[in-house]
Structure formats: structure tokens, C-alpha cells
């Protein structure tokens, strides 16, 4: 089996264009992956011109060799988000081909599940928010769907410091959500790397008032590992980070320092299925929990569920699919994650468990289709206003 074609599909979406990868082999087999990069989607497609020699003509059954040669042959060891995302998308598509060849889900090929179902948390559920009261109403709907955890960024377009007014409103939002869902539902507070150390510490001290804080995520910019370390040692709430770390090497220093309690690698951002499992093993060796990031498209949801099945130190998995995908999203793929009482079922079809439909061509994006900006007013609506 040899790879003969690699096709990217850049799909428009109200808040983040998705990049789906399709591999075709000389025997007509098709495999799918995802390589979405926020504000870099067309760059991913263009990069194929530079790296096609690492893909075309290669045997997808020898996925470790294919990816390894590609990784070491780039001068910067693939340490840029665009190249790593493309590596991840191609790697997942190779595993999809392997799974289909053997008639087995990817997680079965890699040793079988240690988790038969995956606890998930809701994200993207607050796209229809205007007033503080709306946060409570939306949170109530999440809980009614059976979710036992939900994540949200209550900080508006804040960056660096919050004004007194912004800080007060943020705390009112957290209080409103807490009062609605109660202590039996975990609140995961998203910082999006917005704050400097002192502001993050002030917020963290306020969060200590609640018994149901699952974590404070990216409280400082992702490059500030020392800041994460200070916060992890100063606060009684867990610190989570890692979605913007690239490959296992970015996790070494945070793990050694004890900078984070919960690691959040994104399969796309970190280098693929095997790379994420390696990071999971590194985390386990440091007694750190895993909660993979997944804020891209439905193909990466299925890829990540295959990874989740294999991690003994998995805490929980991010789930946007029920809340912040356009209704037509399920017209362009063959599957949808099944979530019951806050748990997702594992994919059962061979490979990663999901494929593109021909209808995806009706939703291809152009350069005029915008991505949202986390630091602009109203970003939380994610284009659904």
C-alpha cells in the first residue's frame, strides 16, 4: 500500500475554519485526519507543497517511520504549529487506513481500551450570552443534558490586568453559574492565557472560595512556565495547561517543575496520536492527570476519543460538539459522538470511526471567511450571534 494523494478540505465554520485531511492509496483506500490550526488553516494546505515528499509514495502501514522521517528532516524539528498540525492530520489518516485494513478501531490496535466510556465536559455552551443571568440559564441547560462538568471563560476580552469593573463582573458570572449548577457539577475556569502573574493569582484566590473548581486553565501566557509553577504552588485549586505546547518536548519542563496538575495536549497541536500517548505516559510518570484539549472539528473529536480510551490517567475530555458546531456539521461527516449522562461512548467503526461525506464540498471556505478573536468584545458568541 502506497499513499498516492493527500487532499486538504478547508471547511467554513462560524468561529474556526476546519482543516480535514484525506489520504488515498494505490489500492483505492481512503483515510481521514484533521489538521485545524486557528488562524492558520490555509497555511496548512499550502505547506503540503513543501512536505509532500514525506507523504506521497510512503506506506501508511509504517506510520511511525513516515512521521519520524518527516519530523527529523525539517530543520527546526517540526517545531511550528502549522507543520505539526499537518503531521498530526496525516498520522491520524494513516491510523485510519490501518484500522480499516484490519477491520478494527484504532484503540483496539494499540492495546485495547482501559476506559470503556469517556467522561466529557461541555464547552461552547455560552454562545447566546448577553447578561449575567444568561450564564445561569445556559448552565442549567447543560446540567439538564446530564453533564457533570462544564468549562467557561467569564473574563470577556480581558488581557493582562482586569479593571475592577471587569473583575467584579467575571466573579458575578462564576457565582451565577455556581449557584445554578451546585457543588456536584465541576466548574472548569478557562483563562485562555490572558493574565499576568499577579492578576492570575488574584483570580485564583477568589476561585478557592468554591469547592467545585475542577481547574484554572491557562491562567498566564503559555510560555510562562515559571508563572504556572508559582500559581500551582500558591493556590489550592488545580492548574491546567498544555493545549499550545508542541510535541512531548514542550511538556518536559512543566512536568519536572510541577507547573501543572492537569496536562491538556491537543492531538493536532502536539504531533498526533502516538505523540499524545507518549505525553500521557510522561504525565503518568509524574503523577499528573490528562484532559486532552479538543476545540477543532468532529474528525478530531473521534481521533481524540480513540486516544482517551488508552490513557489510564485520563481525567476528562473536552466536548464542543453538542454546543458550538453549526447544524450542518453532521451533514458532512458519517458519525456523531454519542454522549449519555456526561459520558461519551467509544467509536466502534474501524479506523478512527468517522469519515467525510461528499457534501463537505458544499461548505468549503475561502480567505474571506473569518475566524473569531478571543480578545475582541463578544468573542464568546463564536459567530453565532
Protein backbone atom coordinates (compact mmCIF):
# COMPACT_ATOMS: atom_id res chain seq x y z
CA UNK A 1 0.00 0.00 0.00
CA UNK A 2 1.36 3.41 -1.00
CA UNK A 3 -0.07 6.88 -0.49
CA UNK A 4 -0.87 8.40 -3.88
CA UNK A 5 -2.82 11.53 -2.95
CA UNK A 6 -3.28 13.85 0.02
CA UNK A 7 -6.20 16.25 -0.13
CA UNK A 8 -6.99 19.05 2.33
CA UNK A 9 -10.54 20.29 2.81
CA UNK A 10 -10.82 23.71 4.47
CA UNK A 11 -14.36 23.92 5.78
CA UNK A 12 -16.06 27.11 6.84
CA UNK A 13 -17.41 27.26 10.38
CA UNK A 14 -18.77 30.29 12.27
CA UNK A 15 -15.82 30.51 14.65
CA UNK A 16 -12.90 28.47 13.34
CA UNK A 17 -12.35 27.02 9.87
CA UNK A 18 -11.67 23.28 9.99
CA UNK A 19 -8.95 21.51 8.00
CA UNK A 20 -9.74 17.90 7.18
CA UNK A 21 -7.10 15.65 5.61
CA UNK A 22 -7.91 12.85 3.17
CA UNK A 23 -5.29 10.27 2.15
CA UNK A 24 -5.80 7.93 -0.78
CA UNK A 25 -3.66 4.88 -1.53
CA UNK A 26 -2.85 2.98 -4.69
CA UNK A 27 -5.48 0.35 -3.88
CA UNK A 28 -8.22 2.99 -3.50
CA UNK A 29 -8.35 3.01 0.30
CA UNK A 30 -9.21 6.32 2.00
CA UNK A 31 -8.12 7.56 5.41
CA UNK A 32 -9.11 10.71 7.27
CA UNK A 33 -7.42 13.03 9.75
CA UNK A 34 -7.68 16.64 10.90
CA UNK A 35 -5.11 19.44 10.88
CA UNK A 36 -7.02 22.52 12.02
CA UNK A 37 -4.83 25.44 13.10
CA UNK A 38 -6.56 28.52 14.45
CA UNK A 39 -5.84 31.41 12.06
CA UNK A 40 -3.53 29.17 10.03
CA UNK A 41 -5.81 26.94 8.01
CA UNK A 42 -4.71 28.00 4.53
CA UNK A 43 -1.10 27.84 5.67
CA UNK A 44 -1.61 24.17 6.47
CA UNK A 45 -2.89 23.46 2.96
CA UNK A 46 -0.01 25.41 1.39
CA UNK A 47 2.58 23.55 3.48
CA UNK A 48 1.70 20.38 1.62
CA UNK A 49 3.70 21.74 -1.33
CA UNK A 50 6.82 21.72 0.85
CA UNK A 51 6.38 18.36 2.55
CA UNK A 52 4.60 16.15 0.01
CA UNK A 53 7.82 14.14 -0.47
CA UNK A 54 7.45 12.86 3.09
CA UNK A 55 3.92 11.59 2.31
CA UNK A 56 3.45 10.56 -1.30
CA UNK A 57 4.72 7.10 -2.16
CA UNK A 58 5.06 6.14 1.50
CA UNK A 59 3.49 3.11 3.15
CA UNK A 60 0.82 4.26 5.64
CA UNK A 61 1.15 0.94 7.47
CA UNK A 62 4.60 2.09 8.56
CA UNK A 63 3.24 5.22 10.17
CA UNK A 64 5.97 5.56 12.80
CA UNK A 65 8.67 5.55 10.14
CA UNK A 66 6.77 8.00 7.92
CA UNK A 67 6.22 10.51 10.71
CA UNK A 68 9.69 10.04 12.22
CA UNK A 69 11.49 10.75 8.96
CA UNK A 70 9.29 13.78 8.34
CA UNK A 71 9.87 15.13 11.84
CA UNK A 72 13.66 14.90 11.86
CA UNK A 73 14.07 16.07 8.27
CA UNK A 74 12.64 19.54 8.94
CA UNK A 75 15.43 21.83 10.11
CA UNK A 76 13.54 23.07 13.18
CA UNK A 77 12.45 19.51 14.08
CA UNK A 78 8.91 20.39 13.02
CA UNK A 79 8.60 22.82 15.92
CA UNK A 80 5.96 25.06 14.42
CA UNK A 81 2.21 24.70 14.76
CA UNK A 82 1.45 24.51 11.04
CA UNK A 83 3.86 21.66 10.32
CA UNK A 84 2.98 19.78 13.50
CA UNK A 85 -0.74 20.06 12.72
CA UNK A 86 -0.16 18.65 9.26
CA UNK A 87 1.95 15.82 10.69
CA UNK A 88 -0.89 15.08 13.12
CA UNK A 89 -3.53 15.07 10.42
CA UNK A 90 -1.55 12.74 8.17
CA UNK A 91 -0.64 10.46 11.08
CA UNK A 92 -4.30 10.10 12.10
CA UNK A 93 -5.26 9.39 8.49
CA UNK A 94 -2.59 6.66 8.38
CA UNK A 95 -4.01 5.10 11.53
CA UNK A 96 -7.46 5.33 9.98
CA UNK A 97 -6.18 3.38 6.98
CA UNK A 98 -4.52 0.80 9.23
CA UNK A 99 -7.69 0.35 11.29
CA UNK A 100 -9.81 -0.09 8.17
CA UNK A 101 -7.29 -2.59 6.77
CA UNK A 102 -7.60 -4.77 9.88
CA UNK A 103 -11.30 -4.02 10.48
CA UNK A 104 -10.65 -2.58 13.94
CA UNK A 105 -10.92 0.74 15.80
CA UNK A 106 -7.54 2.38 16.32
CA UNK A 107 -7.66 1.97 20.10
CA UNK A 108 -8.05 -1.80 19.71
CA UNK A 109 -4.91 -1.92 17.52
CA UNK A 110 -2.96 -0.06 20.21
CA UNK A 111 -3.72 -2.47 23.02
CA UNK A 112 -7.41 -2.11 23.73
CA UNK A 113 -9.26 0.35 25.96
CA UNK A 114 -8.56 0.94 29.62
CA UNK A 115 -11.55 3.30 29.59
CA UNK A 116 -14.75 1.80 28.16
CA UNK A 117 -16.50 5.17 28.20
CA UNK A 118 -15.13 8.68 28.38
CA UNK A 119 -16.29 11.32 30.85
CA UNK A 120 -16.70 14.59 28.96
CA UNK A 121 -17.25 18.22 29.87
CA UNK A 122 -19.32 20.77 28.00
CA UNK A 123 -17.72 23.74 26.26
CA UNK A 124 -19.10 26.29 23.80
CA UNK A 125 -22.43 26.23 25.63
CA UNK A 126 -22.44 30.01 26.22
CA UNK A 127 -22.76 31.35 22.67
CA UNK A 128 -26.11 33.04 23.38
CA UNK A 129 -24.98 35.11 26.36
CA UNK A 130 -25.79 38.77 26.90
CA UNK A 131 -26.35 39.32 30.62
CA UNK A 132 -25.02 37.64 33.77
CA UNK A 133 -28.38 35.94 34.22
CA UNK A 134 -28.00 34.30 30.82
CA UNK A 135 -24.94 32.39 32.04
CA UNK A 136 -27.03 30.69 34.73
CA UNK A 137 -29.82 29.84 32.26
CA UNK A 138 -27.37 28.33 29.79
CA UNK A 139 -25.55 26.39 32.52
CA UNK A 140 -28.86 24.92 33.67
CA UNK A 141 -29.45 23.52 30.18
CA UNK A 142 -26.03 21.89 30.22
CA UNK A 143 -26.73 20.18 33.52
CA UNK A 144 -30.14 19.04 32.29
CA UNK A 145 -28.35 17.21 29.47
CA UNK A 146 -26.53 15.11 32.05
CA UNK A 147 -23.11 16.75 32.01
CA UNK A 148 -21.28 16.70 35.34
CA UNK A 149 -18.69 19.30 34.33
CA UNK A 150 -18.65 22.45 32.22
CA UNK A 151 -15.95 24.90 31.19
CA UNK A 152 -16.24 28.60 30.55
CA UNK A 153 -14.23 31.79 30.17
CA UNK A 154 -16.03 34.52 32.16
CA UNK A 155 -13.36 37.18 31.56
CA UNK A 156 -14.66 38.87 28.41
CA UNK A 157 -11.91 40.31 26.23
CA UNK A 158 -9.57 40.76 29.20
CA UNK A 159 -5.81 40.73 28.75
CA UNK A 160 -3.04 41.33 31.30
CA UNK A 161 -5.00 43.04 34.05
CA UNK A 162 -8.75 43.25 34.55
CA UNK A 163 -10.25 46.54 35.63
CA UNK A 164 -12.19 46.49 38.88
CA UNK A 165 -15.41 46.51 36.89
CA UNK A 166 -14.27 43.63 34.66
CA UNK A 167 -13.08 41.63 37.67
CA UNK A 168 -16.36 42.15 39.51
CA UNK A 169 -18.44 41.07 36.51
CA UNK A 170 -16.30 37.97 35.99
CA UNK A 171 -16.79 36.94 39.60
CA UNK A 172 -20.55 37.56 39.28
CA UNK A 173 -20.66 35.23 36.29
CA UNK A 174 -18.84 32.49 38.19
CA UNK A 175 -21.15 32.92 41.16
CA UNK A 176 -24.25 32.79 38.94
CA UNK A 177 -23.13 29.57 37.28
CA UNK A 178 -22.19 28.02 40.62
CA UNK A 179 -25.49 28.91 42.19
CA UNK A 180 -27.30 27.25 39.30
CA UNK A 181 -25.31 24.00 38.94
CA UNK A 182 -24.27 23.48 42.57
CA UNK A 183 -21.22 21.81 44.06
CA UNK A 184 -21.92 18.46 42.38
CA UNK A 185 -21.05 19.88 38.96
CA UNK A 186 -17.41 20.72 38.25
CA UNK A 187 -16.66 24.23 37.04
CA UNK A 188 -13.57 24.42 34.85
CA UNK A 189 -12.43 28.03 34.57
CA UNK A 190 -10.77 28.97 31.29
CA UNK A 191 -8.11 31.68 31.34
CA UNK A 192 -7.05 31.48 27.67
CA UNK A 193 -3.58 32.66 28.71
CA UNK A 194 -4.97 36.13 29.33
CA UNK A 195 -3.30 37.26 32.53
CA UNK A 196 -0.04 38.29 34.09
CA UNK A 197 1.02 36.51 37.26
CA UNK A 198 -0.46 38.92 39.79
CA UNK A 199 -3.86 39.06 38.12
CA UNK A 200 -3.96 35.29 37.75
CA UNK A 201 -3.12 34.91 41.45
CA UNK A 202 -5.90 37.32 42.44
CA UNK A 203 -8.41 35.38 40.36
CA UNK A 204 -7.15 32.07 41.71
CA UNK A 205 -7.63 33.19 45.30
CA UNK A 206 -11.24 34.04 44.52
CA UNK A 207 -11.76 30.64 42.90
CA UNK A 208 -10.61 28.97 46.11
CA UNK A 209 -13.94 30.01 47.62
CA UNK A 210 -15.66 27.27 45.60
CA UNK A 211 -15.49 23.54 46.29
CA UNK A 212 -16.33 22.54 42.72
CA UNK A 213 -13.48 24.16 40.79
CA UNK A 214 -12.00 21.40 38.63
CA UNK A 215 -9.15 23.60 37.42
CA UNK A 216 -7.98 27.07 36.43
CA UNK A 217 -6.82 26.69 32.82
CA UNK A 218 -4.03 28.69 31.16
CA UNK A 219 -4.09 31.41 33.82
CA UNK A 220 -0.95 33.02 32.32
CA UNK A 221 0.56 33.04 28.84
CA UNK A 222 1.61 29.51 27.84
CA UNK A 223 5.30 30.44 27.62
CA UNK A 224 5.38 31.46 31.30
CA UNK A 225 6.20 28.09 32.84
CA UNK A 226 7.66 29.79 35.91
CA UNK A 227 4.38 31.66 36.37
CA UNK A 228 2.44 28.41 36.14
CA UNK A 229 4.79 26.93 38.73
CA UNK A 230 4.23 29.83 41.14
CA UNK A 231 0.47 29.51 40.79
CA UNK A 232 0.46 25.73 41.17
CA UNK A 233 2.32 26.11 44.47
CA UNK A 234 0.38 29.12 45.73
CA UNK A 235 -3.21 28.05 45.07
CA UNK A 236 -5.39 25.26 46.43
CA UNK A 237 -7.07 24.75 43.06
CA UNK A 238 -5.56 22.66 40.23
CA UNK A 239 -3.73 24.39 37.37
CA UNK A 240 -4.23 23.04 33.85
CA UNK A 241 -2.35 23.85 30.63
CA UNK A 242 -0.80 22.34 27.54
CA UNK A 243 -3.07 22.90 24.55
CA UNK A 244 -0.49 25.22 22.95
CA UNK A 245 2.54 23.07 23.76
CA UNK A 246 4.13 21.47 20.70
CA UNK A 247 5.35 17.84 20.91
CA UNK A 248 6.47 15.99 24.03
CA UNK A 249 9.48 18.29 24.45
CA UNK A 250 7.37 21.29 25.47
CA UNK A 251 5.94 19.23 28.34
CA UNK A 252 9.27 18.21 29.89
CA UNK A 253 9.95 21.43 31.80
CA UNK A 254 6.38 21.90 33.13
CA UNK A 255 6.29 18.29 34.32
CA UNK A 256 9.69 18.46 36.02
CA UNK A 257 8.87 21.78 37.69
CA UNK A 258 5.44 20.64 38.84
CA UNK A 259 3.97 23.60 36.98
CA UNK A 260 0.66 21.93 36.12
CA UNK A 261 -1.62 19.43 37.79
CA UNK A 262 -3.57 18.54 34.64
CA UNK A 263 -2.00 18.23 31.18
CA UNK A 264 -4.06 19.26 28.17
CA UNK A 265 -2.28 18.27 24.96
CA UNK A 266 -4.23 18.67 21.76
CA UNK A 267 -3.72 15.75 19.36
CA UNK A 268 -3.38 18.20 16.46
CA UNK A 269 -1.09 20.68 18.19
CA UNK A 270 1.23 18.13 19.77
CA UNK A 271 2.01 15.82 16.87
CA UNK A 272 -0.59 13.09 16.60
CA UNK A 273 -1.99 10.00 18.27
CA UNK A 274 1.29 8.38 19.29
CA UNK A 275 2.79 11.68 20.47
CA UNK A 276 -0.24 12.33 22.68
CA UNK A 277 0.04 8.85 24.18
CA UNK A 278 3.74 9.48 24.88
CA UNK A 279 2.82 12.74 26.66
CA UNK A 280 0.19 10.80 28.61
CA UNK A 281 2.82 8.31 29.75
CA UNK A 282 5.17 11.15 30.74
CA UNK A 283 2.33 12.71 32.73
CA UNK A 284 1.55 9.40 34.42
CA UNK A 285 5.19 9.05 35.44
CA UNK A 286 4.93 12.47 37.11
CA UNK A 287 1.56 11.61 38.73
CA UNK A 288 -0.25 14.16 36.55
CA UNK A 289 -3.74 13.75 35.10
CA UNK A 290 -4.66 14.11 31.43
CA UNK A 291 -7.55 16.11 29.98
CA UNK A 292 -6.91 16.47 26.23
CA UNK A 293 -7.89 19.71 24.53
CA UNK A 294 -10.33 19.40 21.61
CA UNK A 295 -11.71 22.63 20.16
CA UNK A 296 -11.50 21.74 16.49
CA UNK A 297 -13.79 19.74 14.22
CA UNK A 298 -15.74 16.47 14.55
CA UNK A 299 -12.98 14.35 12.99
CA UNK A 300 -10.59 15.35 15.77
CA UNK A 301 -13.27 14.50 18.33
CA UNK A 302 -13.22 10.90 17.12
CA UNK A 303 -9.43 10.83 16.91
CA UNK A 304 -9.18 12.08 20.49
CA UNK A 305 -11.74 9.57 21.79
CA UNK A 306 -9.52 6.80 20.42
CA UNK A 307 -6.63 8.28 22.41
CA UNK A 308 -8.73 8.74 25.55
CA UNK A 309 -9.60 5.06 25.55
CA UNK A 310 -5.93 4.19 26.08
CA UNK A 311 -4.91 6.53 28.93
CA UNK A 312 -5.08 5.22 32.50
CA UNK A 313 -4.55 8.74 33.90
CA UNK A 314 -7.39 10.33 31.92
CA UNK A 315 -9.48 12.75 33.98
CA UNK A 316 -11.99 14.06 31.45
CA UNK A 317 -12.38 15.06 27.79
CA UNK A 318 -13.45 18.39 26.26
CA UNK A 319 -16.65 18.29 24.16
CA UNK A 320 -17.82 21.16 21.94
CA UNK A 321 -19.82 19.01 19.55
CA UNK A 322 -23.26 19.41 21.13
CA UNK A 323 -22.99 23.14 21.68
CA UNK A 324 -20.83 25.08 19.23
CA UNK A 325 -20.99 23.27 15.91
CA UNK A 326 -23.26 24.50 13.11
CA UNK A 327 -26.24 22.25 12.47
CA UNK A 328 -24.90 21.25 9.05
CA UNK A 329 -21.71 19.83 10.60
CA UNK A 330 -23.37 16.43 10.85
CA UNK A 331 -24.27 16.51 7.15
CA UNK A 332 -20.59 16.42 6.11
CA UNK A 333 -19.42 13.51 8.30
CA UNK A 334 -20.70 9.99 8.87
CA UNK A 335 -20.84 9.99 12.65
CA UNK A 336 -21.62 11.98 15.77
CA UNK A 337 -20.31 11.32 19.29
CA UNK A 338 -22.91 9.68 21.47
CA UNK A 339 -22.99 11.29 24.91
CA UNK A 340 -25.15 9.83 27.67
CA UNK A 341 -25.21 11.33 31.19
CA UNK A 342 -21.90 13.10 30.67
CA UNK A 343 -20.05 10.12 29.16
CA UNK A 344 -19.14 9.56 25.51
CA UNK A 345 -19.22 6.10 24.00
CA UNK A 346 -16.11 4.87 22.24
CA UNK A 347 -16.15 4.79 18.42
CA UNK A 348 -16.98 1.31 17.19
CA UNK A 349 -16.31 1.52 13.45
CA UNK A 350 -12.90 0.52 12.02
CA UNK A 351 -10.19 3.17 11.96
CA UNK A 352 -10.87 6.41 13.77
CA UNK A 353 -14.61 5.80 13.36
CA UNK A 354 -15.72 8.70 11.18
CA UNK A 355 -15.47 9.73 7.52
CA UNK A 356 -16.18 12.73 5.32
CA UNK A 357 -19.18 12.78 3.03
CA UNK A 358 -19.16 14.21 -0.47
CA UNK A 359 -21.36 17.03 0.83
CA UNK A 360 -18.31 18.57 2.52
CA UNK A 361 -17.58 20.23 -0.82
CA UNK A 362 -20.67 22.41 -0.33
CA UNK A 363 -19.06 24.03 2.74
CA UNK A 364 -15.54 24.81 1.62
CA UNK A 365 -14.13 28.05 2.99
CA UNK A 366 -12.48 31.00 1.30
CA UNK A 367 -10.00 33.51 2.66
CA UNK A 368 -12.95 35.83 3.30
CA UNK A 369 -14.42 33.53 5.93
CA UNK A 370 -13.22 34.98 9.28
CA UNK A 371 -12.05 33.31 12.46
CA UNK A 372 -13.13 34.78 15.78
CA UNK A 373 -10.78 36.75 18.04
CA UNK A 374 -10.53 35.76 21.71
CA UNK A 375 -9.56 39.31 22.63
CA UNK A 376 -12.46 41.11 20.94
CA UNK A 377 -15.76 42.04 22.51
CA UNK A 378 -18.44 39.38 22.02
CA UNK A 379 -15.97 36.62 21.12
CA UNK A 380 -17.86 34.15 23.30
CA UNK A 381 -20.72 34.07 20.76
CA UNK A 382 -18.28 32.46 18.31
CA UNK A 383 -20.07 33.83 15.30
CA UNK A 384 -23.48 32.53 16.37
CA UNK A 385 -24.95 35.97 17.13
